[in-house]
C-alpha atoms as a PDB file:
ATOM      1  CA  MET A   1     -15.898   2.174   8.264  1.00  0.00           C
ATOM      2  CA  HIS A   2     -14.767  -1.308   7.240  1.00  0.00           C
ATOM      3  CA  HIS A   3     -13.145  -3.373  10.028  1.00  0.00           C
ATOM      4  CA  LEU A   4      -9.800  -3.522   8.159  1.00  0.00           C
ATOM      5  CA  VAL A   5      -9.748   0.277   8.025  1.00  0.00           C
ATOM      6  CA  THR A   6     -10.759   0.469  11.694  1.00  0.00           C
ATOM      7  CA  LEU A   7      -7.763  -1.747  12.528  1.00  0.00           C
ATOM      8  CA  ALA A   8      -5.419   0.583  10.600  1.00  0.00           C
ATOM      9  CA  LYS A   9      -6.891   3.659  12.308  1.00  0.00           C
ATOM     10  CA  GLU A  10      -6.687   2.166  15.817  1.00  0.00           C
ATOM     11  CA  THR A  11      -3.103   1.035  15.126  1.00  0.00           C
ATOM     12  CA  VAL A  12      -1.952   4.499  14.029  1.00  0.00           C
ATOM     13  CA  GLU A  13      -3.733   6.294  16.867  1.00  0.00           C
ATOM     14  CA  GLN A  14      -2.324   3.964  19.525  1.00  0.00           C
ATOM     15  CA  TYR A  15       1.197   4.059  18.113  1.00  0.00           C
ATOM     16  CA  VAL A  16       1.351   7.823  17.551  1.00  0.00           C
ATOM     17  CA  ARG A  17       0.032   8.517  21.068  1.00  0.00           C
ATOM     18  CA  THR A  18       1.924   5.856  23.054  1.00  0.00           C
ATOM     19  CA  LYS A  19       4.611   4.289  20.752  1.00  0.00           C
ATOM     20  CA  LYS A  20       2.968   0.935  21.550  1.00  0.00           C
ATOM     21  CA  THR A  21       1.904  -1.575  18.899  1.00  0.00           C
ATOM     22  CA  ILE A  22      -1.583  -3.013  19.285  1.00  0.00           C
ATOM     23  CA  SER A  23      -2.244  -6.743  19.055  1.00  0.00           C
ATOM     24  CA  PRO A  24      -4.403  -8.194  16.303  1.00  0.00           C
ATOM     25  CA  PRO A  25      -8.064  -8.618  17.275  1.00  0.00           C
ATOM     26  CA  ALA A  26      -8.810 -11.770  19.289  1.00  0.00           C
ATOM     27  CA  GLU A  27     -11.530 -12.706  16.779  1.00  0.00           C
ATOM     28  CA  LEU A  28     -10.122 -12.412  13.252  1.00  0.00           C
ATOM     29  CA  THR A  29     -12.548 -11.948  10.371  1.00  0.00           C
ATOM     30  CA  PRO A  30     -12.018 -14.182   7.310  1.00  0.00           C
ATOM     31  CA  GLU A  31     -10.227 -11.342   5.431  1.00  0.00           C
ATOM     32  CA  MET A  32      -7.845 -10.874   8.356  1.00  0.00           C
ATOM     33  CA  THR A  33      -6.710 -14.515   8.308  1.00  0.00           C
ATOM     34  CA  GLU A  34      -5.599 -14.449   4.644  1.00  0.00           C
ATOM     35  CA  LYS A  35      -1.966 -14.081   3.605  1.00  0.00           C
ATOM     36  CA  ALA A  36      -1.461 -11.160   1.201  1.00  0.00           C
ATOM     37  CA  GLY A  37       0.453  -7.983   0.586  1.00  0.00           C
ATOM     38  CA  VAL A  38      -1.234  -4.924   2.092  1.00  0.00           C
ATOM     39  CA  PHE A  39      -0.872  -1.181   1.582  1.00  0.00           C
ATOM     40  CA  VAL A  40      -2.099   1.339   4.132  1.00  0.00           C
ATOM     41  CA  SER A  41      -2.674   4.878   2.860  1.00  0.00           C
ATOM     42  CA  LEU A  42      -3.211   7.964   4.993  1.00  0.00           C
ATOM     43  CA  LYS A  43      -4.680  11.170   3.618  1.00  0.00           C
ATOM     44  CA  LYS A  44      -5.082  14.559   5.256  1.00  0.00           C
ATOM     45  CA  LYS A  45      -7.453  17.073   3.648  1.00  0.00           C
ATOM     46  CA  GLY A  46      -7.516  14.923   0.512  1.00  0.00           C
ATOM     47  CA  GLN A  47      -3.714  14.916   0.153  1.00  0.00           C
ATOM     48  CA  LEU A  48      -1.493  11.888   0.626  1.00  0.00           C
ATOM     49  CA  ARG A  49       0.061  11.883   4.113  1.00  0.00           C
ATOM     50  CA  GLY A  50       1.682   8.442   4.093  1.00  0.00           C
ATOM     51  CA  CYS A  51       1.523   5.189   2.174  1.00  0.00           C
ATOM     52  CA  ILE A  52       3.528   2.056   2.914  1.00  0.00           C
ATOM     53  CA  GLY A  53       2.896  -1.531   1.999  1.00  0.00           C
ATOM     54  CA  THR A  54       4.184  -4.940   1.113  1.00  0.00           C
ATOM     55  CA  PHE A  55       4.232  -6.675  -2.288  1.00  0.00           C
ATOM     56  CA  SER A  56       3.250  -9.981  -0.686  1.00  0.00           C
ATOM     57  CA  ASN A  57       2.766 -11.172   2.865  1.00  0.00           C
ATOM     58  CA  THR A  58       5.687 -10.715   5.268  1.00  0.00           C
ATOM     59  CA  THR A  59       3.765 -11.601   8.425  1.00  0.00           C
ATOM     60  CA  GLU A  60       1.387 -14.363   9.471  1.00  0.00           C
ATOM     61  CA  ASN A  61      -1.820 -12.751   8.131  1.00  0.00           C
ATOM     62  CA  VAL A  62      -3.540  -9.646   6.758  1.00  0.00           C
ATOM     63  CA  ALA A  63      -4.304  -8.316  10.264  1.00  0.00           C
ATOM     64  CA  CYS A  64      -0.580  -8.314  11.137  1.00  0.00           C
ATOM     65  CA  GLU A  65       0.316  -6.789   7.734  1.00  0.00           C
ATOM     66  CA  ILE A  66      -2.149  -3.955   8.406  1.00  0.00           C
ATOM     67  CA  ILE A  67      -0.701  -3.274  11.853  1.00  0.00           C
ATOM     68  CA  GLN A  68       2.905  -3.286  10.575  1.00  0.00           C
ATOM     69  CA  ASN A  69       2.165  -1.160   7.492  1.00  0.00           C
ATOM     70  CA  ALA A  70      -0.130   1.302   9.272  1.00  0.00           C
ATOM     71  CA  ILE A  71       2.681   2.143  11.704  1.00  0.00           C
ATOM     72  CA  SER A  72       5.139   2.460   8.818  1.00  0.00           C
ATOM     73  CA  ALA A  73       2.763   4.675   6.802  1.00  0.00           C
ATOM     74  CA  ALA A  74       2.392   7.000   9.793  1.00  0.00           C
ATOM     75  CA  THR A  75       6.053   7.066  10.838  1.00  0.00           C
ATOM     76  CA  GLN A  76       8.399   5.746   8.115  1.00  0.00           C
ATOM     77  CA  ASP A  77       7.236   7.135   4.741  1.00  0.00           C
ATOM     78  CA  PRO A  78      10.356   9.031   3.619  1.00  0.00           C
ATOM     79  CA  ARG A  79       8.227  11.624   1.791  1.00  0.00           C
ATOM     80  CA  PHE A  80       6.626  12.908   5.001  1.00  0.00           C
ATOM     81  CA  PRO A  81       7.488  13.661   8.623  1.00  0.00           C
ATOM     82  CA  PRO A  82       5.987  11.240  11.178  1.00  0.00           C
ATOM     83  CA  VAL A  83       2.320  11.824  11.981  1.00  0.00           C
ATOM     84  CA  HIS A  84       1.871  14.099  14.994  1.00  0.00           C
ATOM     85  CA  PRO A  85      -0.851  13.406  17.597  1.00  0.00           C
ATOM     86  CA  LYS A  86      -2.565  16.726  16.687  1.00  0.00           C
ATOM     87  CA  GLU A  87      -3.145  15.388  13.138  1.00  0.00           C
ATOM     88  CA  LEU A  88      -4.958  12.179  14.119  1.00  0.00           C
ATOM     89  CA  ASN A  89      -8.486  13.644  13.896  1.00  0.00           C
ATOM     90  CA  GLU A  90      -7.802  14.872  10.343  1.00  0.00           C
ATOM     91  CA  LEU A  91      -6.609  11.578   8.834  1.00  0.00           C
ATOM     92  CA  GLU A  92      -8.525   9.405   6.397  1.00  0.00           C
ATOM     93  CA  TYR A  93      -7.468   5.797   5.954  1.00  0.00           C
ATOM     94  CA  SER A  94      -7.632   3.222   3.207  1.00  0.00           C
ATOM     95  CA  VAL A  95      -6.388  -0.356   3.124  1.00  0.00           C
ATOM     96  CA  ASP A  96      -5.564  -2.197  -0.111  1.00  0.00           C
ATOM     97  CA  VAL A  97      -5.247  -5.988   0.009  1.00  0.00           C
ATOM     98  CA  LEU A  98      -3.264  -7.213  -3.003  1.00  0.00           C
ATOM     99  CA  THR A  99      -3.664 -10.323  -5.095  1.00  0.00           C
ATOM    100  CA  GLU A 100      -0.453 -12.199  -5.913  1.00  0.00           C
ATOM    101  CA  PRO A 101       1.342 -10.337  -8.756  1.00  0.00           C
ATOM    102  CA  GLU A 102       1.293 -12.177 -12.106  1.00  0.00           C
ATOM    103  CA  LYS A 103       3.850 -11.649 -14.852  1.00  0.00           C
ATOM    104  CA  VAL A 104       2.501 -10.089 -18.050  1.00  0.00           C
ATOM    105  CA  ALA A 105       3.924 -10.095 -21.569  1.00  0.00           C
ATOM    106  CA  GLY A 106       3.589  -6.350 -22.061  1.00  0.00           C
ATOM    107  CA  ARG A 107       1.729  -3.057 -21.688  1.00  0.00           C
ATOM    108  CA  LYS A 108      -1.381  -4.331 -23.516  1.00  0.00           C
ATOM    109  CA  GLU A 109      -2.191  -6.547 -20.524  1.00  0.00           C
ATOM    110  CA  LEU A 110      -2.212  -3.595 -18.105  1.00  0.00           C
ATOM    111  CA  ASP A 111      -4.966  -1.149 -17.188  1.00  0.00           C
ATOM    112  CA  PRO A 112      -4.159   1.568 -14.600  1.00  0.00           C
ATOM    113  CA  LYS A 113      -7.752   1.659 -13.337  1.00  0.00           C
ATOM    114  CA  LYS A 114      -8.059  -2.111 -12.823  1.00  0.00           C
ATOM    115  CA  TYR A 115      -4.514  -3.346 -12.155  1.00  0.00           C
ATOM    116  CA  GLY A 116      -1.609  -2.212 -10.073  1.00  0.00           C
ATOM    117  CA  VAL A 117       1.826  -2.704 -11.600  1.00  0.00           C
ATOM    118  CA  VAL A 118       5.185  -3.987 -10.427  1.00  0.00           C
ATOM    119  CA  VAL A 119       8.150  -2.991 -12.579  1.00  0.00           C
ATOM    120  CA  LYS A 120      11.258  -5.127 -12.041  1.00  0.00           C
ATOM    121  CA  SER A 121      14.798  -4.769 -13.348  1.00  0.00           C
ATOM    122  CA  GLY A 122      17.429  -6.979 -11.726  1.00  0.00           C
ATOM    123  CA  ASP A 123      16.876  -6.766  -7.976  1.00  0.00           C
ATOM    124  CA  ARG A 124      15.109  -3.382  -8.156  1.00  0.00           C
ATOM    125  CA  ARG A 125      11.354  -3.254  -8.220  1.00  0.00           C
ATOM    126  CA  GLY A 126       8.751  -0.550  -7.916  1.00  0.00           C
ATOM    127  CA  LEU A 127       5.043  -0.894  -7.279  1.00  0.00           C
ATOM    128  CA  LEU A 128       2.152   1.410  -8.048  1.00  0.00           C
ATOM    129  CA  LEU A 129      -1.385   0.739  -6.852  1.00  0.00           C
ATOM    130  CA  PRO A 130      -4.281   0.829  -9.326  1.00  0.00           C
ATOM    131  CA  ASP A 131      -6.921   3.511  -9.716  1.00  0.00           C
ATOM    132  CA  LEU A 132      -4.862   6.415  -8.390  1.00  0.00           C
ATOM    133  CA  GLU A 133      -5.944   9.981  -8.978  1.00  0.00           C
ATOM    134  CA  GLY A 134      -3.929  11.548 -11.804  1.00  0.00           C
ATOM    135  CA  VAL A 135      -2.592   8.245 -13.172  1.00  0.00           C
ATOM    136  CA  ASP A 136      -4.586   7.661 -16.330  1.00  0.00           C
ATOM    137  CA  SER A 137      -2.307   5.714 -18.667  1.00  0.00           C
ATOM    138  CA  VAL A 138      -0.221   2.555 -18.594  1.00  0.00           C
ATOM    139  CA  ASP A 139       2.860   4.605 -19.547  1.00  0.00           C
ATOM    140  CA  GLU A 140       2.372   6.950 -16.557  1.00  0.00           C
ATOM    141  CA  GLN A 141       1.890   3.962 -14.268  1.00  0.00           C
ATOM    142  CA  ILE A 142       5.059   2.222 -15.501  1.00  0.00           C
ATOM    143  CA  SER A 143       7.052   5.468 -15.390  1.00  0.00           C
ATOM    144  CA  ILE A 144       6.104   6.216 -11.765  1.00  0.00           C
ATOM    145  CA  ALA A 145       6.718   2.630 -10.601  1.00  0.00           C
ATOM    146  CA  SER A 146      10.092   2.632 -12.408  1.00  0.00           C
ATOM    147  CA  MET A 147      11.096   5.940 -10.838  1.00  0.00           C
ATOM    148  CA  LYS A 148      10.248   4.596  -7.359  1.00  0.00           C
ATOM    149  CA  ALA A 149      12.630   1.673  -8.010  1.00  0.00           C
ATOM    150  CA  GLY A 150      15.434   3.738  -9.542  1.00  0.00           C
ATOM    151  CA  ILE A 151      14.936   2.056 -12.904  1.00  0.00           C
ATOM    152  CA  TYR A 152      15.900   4.306 -15.794  1.00  0.00           C
ATOM    153  CA  HIS A 153      14.108   4.637 -19.139  1.00  0.00           C
ATOM    154  CA  GLY A 154      15.486   2.123 -21.598  1.00  0.00           C
ATOM    155  CA  GLU A 155      16.609  -0.457 -19.026  1.00  0.00           C
ATOM    156  CA  PRO A 156      15.153  -3.938 -19.580  1.00  0.00           C
ATOM    157  CA  ILE A 157      12.117  -4.474 -17.370  1.00  0.00           C
ATOM    158  CA  GLU A 158       9.701  -7.201 -16.377  1.00  0.00           C
ATOM    159  CA  LEU A 159       6.072  -6.247 -15.752  1.00  0.00           C
ATOM    160  CA  TYR A 160       3.677  -7.790 -13.252  1.00  0.00           C
ATOM    161  CA  ARG A 161       0.068  -6.885 -12.545  1.00  0.00           C
ATOM    162  CA  PHE A 162      -2.138  -7.373  -9.534  1.00  0.00           C
ATOM    163  CA  GLU A 163      -5.578  -6.398  -8.347  1.00  0.00           C
ATOM    164  CA  VAL A 164      -6.583  -4.934  -5.017  1.00  0.00           C
ATOM    165  CA  LYS A 165      -9.560  -4.954  -2.744  1.00  0.00           C
ATOM    166  CA  ARG A 166      -9.688  -1.360  -1.515  1.00  0.00           C
ATOM    167  CA  TYR A 167     -11.333  -0.644   1.811  1.00  0.00           C
ATOM    168  CA  LYS A 168     -12.119   2.866   3.033  1.00  0.00           C
END
């Protein structure tokens, strides 16, 4: 297991058991010192169990983003009840570290396997990670990201793409 994933796992286990937030490791690896948006995904028996993240950094480094977002994925994802201690042994973790989103001119510059997408309209924005099971077209990707942001079909949108380093 990659050390970023280990940090997410230890964070969730500690928080779910004790409601205490762990500190970042004393010795940060180079990836942990970067500033970037991070998504933490939890799966149980192959099904999504929680996924929360940040578009860009909101804390001092990737280690702190992982800790913050791992707790949120386990306890704040509105699609799921908070993770229960009995579930901890069944969870699988992944951590996505995002590159800075770049504005694109249109759909032709997107690829749902390679790039994640941010759809923006006014102050609403929705994000969808790349290479997700069941998302095979740019239109599906844009539609899902728009729905997450409450952006309706036909509203003017801006598109941004980003890449991720996915750790499992």
